[in-house]
């Protein structure tokens, strides 16, 4: 009989490290599995199929590859297996706003603190480069995760995913600290 490790054991077993380029297939698997399993109830099977197909596209791959090469995609590894990712990107060079991206955890490891740990790490990395505000675009099932991390909902909308599919998303924002030029009375 095997023993299932408790949440604390899994939380501490997860090693956070930058994702190496040779893990691209694992990144796509984690993103697709997370989206597919978390998407039931907010998207149809056809919509989820299109989103997962987009994850396999060259466009998505190029964005993730740029984050990996730029050292902006963090992975959670358990026994050297990728089980989650989180990353960030600058909106525009010199902007105080960074975008949190690619926050995905394999469903087996949901609610064990791995996503929270990765999010805190990438937020710290973005802040260390001078960003004072973070934005995120989440699928409806992930909105509560970001809210628990201090993000506020700014609006609701859709994201266009090829082939011409609009999927529901929530736009969120979190201020890390006041900009240096801010004055308070």
Protein backbone atom coordinates (compact mmCIF):
# COMPACT_ATOMS: atom_id res chain seq x y z
CA UNK A 1 0.00 0.00 0.00
CA UNK A 2 1.38 3.39 -0.98
CA UNK A 3 1.11 6.44 1.20
CA UNK A 4 -0.01 9.69 -0.31
CA UNK A 5 2.23 12.54 0.92
CA UNK A 6 0.45 15.34 2.71
CA UNK A 7 0.26 18.89 1.40
CA UNK A 8 3.12 20.13 3.58
CA UNK A 9 5.40 17.37 2.28
CA UNK A 10 4.58 18.22 -1.33
CA UNK A 11 4.95 21.95 -0.64
CA UNK A 12 8.47 21.44 0.69
CA UNK A 13 9.37 18.80 -1.93
CA UNK A 14 8.75 21.21 -4.79
CA UNK A 15 12.00 22.73 -6.01
CA UNK A 16 11.63 26.11 -7.71
CA UNK A 17 14.07 26.81 -10.53
CA UNK A 18 14.21 28.54 -13.89
CA UNK A 19 12.77 26.31 -16.60
CA UNK A 20 15.43 25.04 -19.01
CA UNK A 21 14.72 25.22 -22.74
CA UNK A 22 14.64 21.43 -23.08
CA UNK A 23 11.49 21.37 -20.90
CA UNK A 24 9.33 23.08 -23.57
CA UNK A 25 7.20 19.97 -24.15
CA UNK A 26 6.65 19.60 -20.40
CA UNK A 27 5.67 23.30 -20.17
CA UNK A 28 3.05 22.84 -22.88
CA UNK A 29 1.76 19.70 -21.15
CA UNK A 30 1.43 21.46 -17.78
CA UNK A 31 -0.32 24.46 -19.34
CA UNK A 32 -2.71 22.33 -21.40
CA UNK A 33 -3.57 19.92 -18.57
CA UNK A 34 -4.12 22.76 -16.10
CA UNK A 35 -6.35 24.62 -18.51
CA UNK A 36 -8.30 21.58 -19.63
CA UNK A 37 -9.00 20.30 -16.10
CA UNK A 38 -9.71 23.76 -14.69
CA UNK A 39 -11.83 24.92 -17.61
CA UNK A 40 -14.87 22.75 -17.12
CA UNK A 41 -17.80 24.90 -16.14
CA UNK A 42 -16.62 28.09 -17.81
CA UNK A 43 -15.88 26.87 -21.35
CA UNK A 44 -17.27 24.36 -23.77
CA UNK A 45 -15.23 21.37 -24.91
CA UNK A 46 -14.74 23.07 -28.31
CA UNK A 47 -13.41 26.21 -26.62
CA UNK A 48 -11.03 24.18 -24.46
CA UNK A 49 -9.89 22.23 -27.52
CA UNK A 50 -9.08 25.50 -29.30
CA UNK A 51 -7.18 26.85 -26.28
CA UNK A 52 -5.16 23.66 -25.91
CA UNK A 53 -4.44 23.73 -29.66
CA UNK A 54 -3.22 27.32 -29.24
CA UNK A 55 -0.83 26.14 -26.49
CA UNK A 56 0.68 23.82 -29.12
CA UNK A 57 1.05 26.62 -31.68
CA UNK A 58 4.28 28.23 -32.83
CA UNK A 59 3.06 31.63 -31.57
CA UNK A 60 2.56 30.38 -28.02
CA UNK A 61 5.81 28.45 -28.17
CA UNK A 62 7.74 31.55 -29.23
CA UNK A 63 6.36 33.59 -26.31
CA UNK A 64 7.20 30.88 -23.78
CA UNK A 65 10.63 30.32 -25.34
CA UNK A 66 11.42 34.04 -25.03
CA UNK A 67 10.52 33.88 -21.34
CA UNK A 68 12.70 30.81 -20.82
CA UNK A 69 15.67 32.33 -22.64
CA UNK A 70 15.15 35.61 -20.77
CA UNK A 71 15.11 33.86 -17.40
CA UNK A 72 11.51 34.88 -16.68
CA UNK A 73 9.81 31.47 -16.48
CA UNK A 74 9.97 29.70 -13.16
CA UNK A 75 9.17 26.02 -12.76
CA UNK A 76 8.17 23.87 -9.82
CA UNK A 77 9.84 20.47 -9.98
CA UNK A 78 9.05 17.40 -7.89
CA UNK A 79 11.48 14.54 -8.36
CA UNK A 80 12.85 16.45 -11.38
CA UNK A 81 9.39 16.48 -13.02
CA UNK A 82 7.87 19.82 -14.00
CA UNK A 83 4.57 20.23 -12.14
CA UNK A 84 3.97 23.98 -12.48
CA UNK A 85 5.12 27.24 -14.03
CA UNK A 86 4.81 30.96 -13.43
CA UNK A 87 6.42 33.80 -15.33
CA UNK A 88 6.37 37.48 -16.04
CA UNK A 89 7.12 39.98 -18.77
CA UNK A 90 7.52 43.73 -19.00
CA UNK A 91 4.71 45.48 -20.80
CA UNK A 92 7.01 48.04 -22.38
CA UNK A 93 10.67 48.85 -21.79
CA UNK A 94 10.89 51.15 -18.77
CA UNK A 95 7.26 50.67 -17.74
CA UNK A 96 6.56 50.26 -14.02
CA UNK A 97 3.99 47.58 -14.92
CA UNK A 98 4.85 43.90 -15.38
CA UNK A 99 2.50 41.19 -16.55
CA UNK A 100 2.24 37.92 -14.66
CA UNK A 101 1.90 35.05 -17.14
CA UNK A 102 1.85 31.28 -17.50
CA UNK A 103 0.68 30.47 -13.95
CA UNK A 104 -0.23 26.81 -14.25
CA UNK A 105 0.01 23.83 -11.91
CA UNK A 106 -0.81 20.24 -12.77
CA UNK A 107 -4.21 19.39 -11.24
CA UNK A 108 -2.73 16.70 -8.99
CA UNK A 109 -0.82 19.46 -7.18
CA UNK A 110 -3.59 22.08 -6.93
CA UNK A 111 -4.21 23.64 -3.50
CA UNK A 112 -0.86 22.58 -2.11
CA UNK A 113 0.77 26.01 -2.12
CA UNK A 114 2.97 25.45 -5.18
CA UNK A 115 1.23 28.09 -7.28
CA UNK A 116 1.37 30.56 -4.39
CA UNK A 117 5.12 29.95 -3.94
CA UNK A 118 5.84 30.41 -7.65
CA UNK A 119 3.68 33.53 -7.86
CA UNK A 120 5.51 35.12 -4.91
CA UNK A 121 8.87 34.36 -6.55
CA UNK A 122 7.98 35.87 -9.93
CA UNK A 123 6.40 38.90 -8.25
CA UNK A 124 9.67 39.41 -6.37
CA UNK A 125 11.69 39.08 -9.58
CA UNK A 126 9.52 41.66 -11.33
CA UNK A 127 9.76 44.01 -8.35
CA UNK A 128 13.56 43.58 -8.22
CA UNK A 129 13.76 44.95 -11.77
CA UNK A 130 11.86 48.10 -10.81
CA UNK A 131 8.25 47.17 -11.51
CA UNK A 132 5.82 48.61 -8.99
CA UNK A 133 2.58 47.22 -10.36
CA UNK A 134 1.52 43.85 -11.74
CA UNK A 135 -1.29 42.87 -14.05
CA UNK A 136 -2.65 39.43 -14.81
CA UNK A 137 -5.19 37.98 -17.19
CA UNK A 138 -6.81 34.84 -15.84
CA UNK A 139 -9.36 32.31 -16.86
CA UNK A 140 -12.46 32.39 -14.63
CA UNK A 141 -11.38 29.36 -12.59
CA UNK A 142 -8.06 31.03 -11.63
CA UNK A 143 -9.46 34.43 -10.63
CA UNK A 144 -9.90 33.50 -6.96
CA UNK A 145 -6.25 32.35 -6.83
CA UNK A 146 -5.08 35.83 -7.86
CA UNK A 147 -7.54 37.54 -5.52
CA UNK A 148 -6.16 35.55 -2.57
CA UNK A 149 -2.70 36.80 -3.58
CA UNK A 150 -3.81 40.44 -3.32
CA UNK A 151 -4.88 41.17 -6.89
CA UNK A 152 -8.02 43.17 -7.52
CA UNK A 153 -10.33 42.64 -10.47
CA UNK A 154 -10.18 45.56 -12.90
CA UNK A 155 -12.51 44.22 -15.60
CA UNK A 156 -13.86 41.23 -17.44
CA UNK A 157 -13.42 40.52 -21.11
CA UNK A 158 -12.42 37.96 -23.67
CA UNK A 159 -9.21 36.71 -25.19
CA UNK A 160 -9.04 35.85 -28.86
CA UNK A 161 -7.59 32.39 -29.36
CA UNK A 162 -7.14 31.02 -32.88
CA UNK A 163 -9.18 30.05 -34.78
CA UNK A 164 -11.32 33.09 -34.00
CA UNK A 165 -12.50 31.93 -30.58
CA UNK A 166 -13.20 34.44 -27.81
CA UNK A 167 -12.69 32.95 -24.36
CA UNK A 168 -13.72 34.65 -21.12
CA UNK A 169 -10.93 36.21 -19.02
CA UNK A 170 -10.64 38.34 -15.92
CA UNK A 171 -8.19 41.26 -15.81
CA UNK A 172 -6.50 41.86 -12.46
CA UNK A 173 -3.98 44.26 -10.94
CA UNK A 174 -1.77 44.40 -7.86
CA UNK A 175 0.33 47.31 -6.66
CA UNK A 176 3.59 46.22 -5.07
CA UNK A 177 4.64 49.56 -3.68
CA UNK A 178 4.11 53.22 -4.40
CA UNK A 179 6.24 54.61 -7.23
CA UNK A 180 9.27 56.57 -6.01
CA UNK A 181 7.84 59.80 -7.44
CA UNK A 182 4.58 59.52 -5.49
CA UNK A 183 3.99 61.99 -2.67
CA UNK A 184 1.49 61.53 0.10
CA UNK A 185 -0.04 64.18 2.32
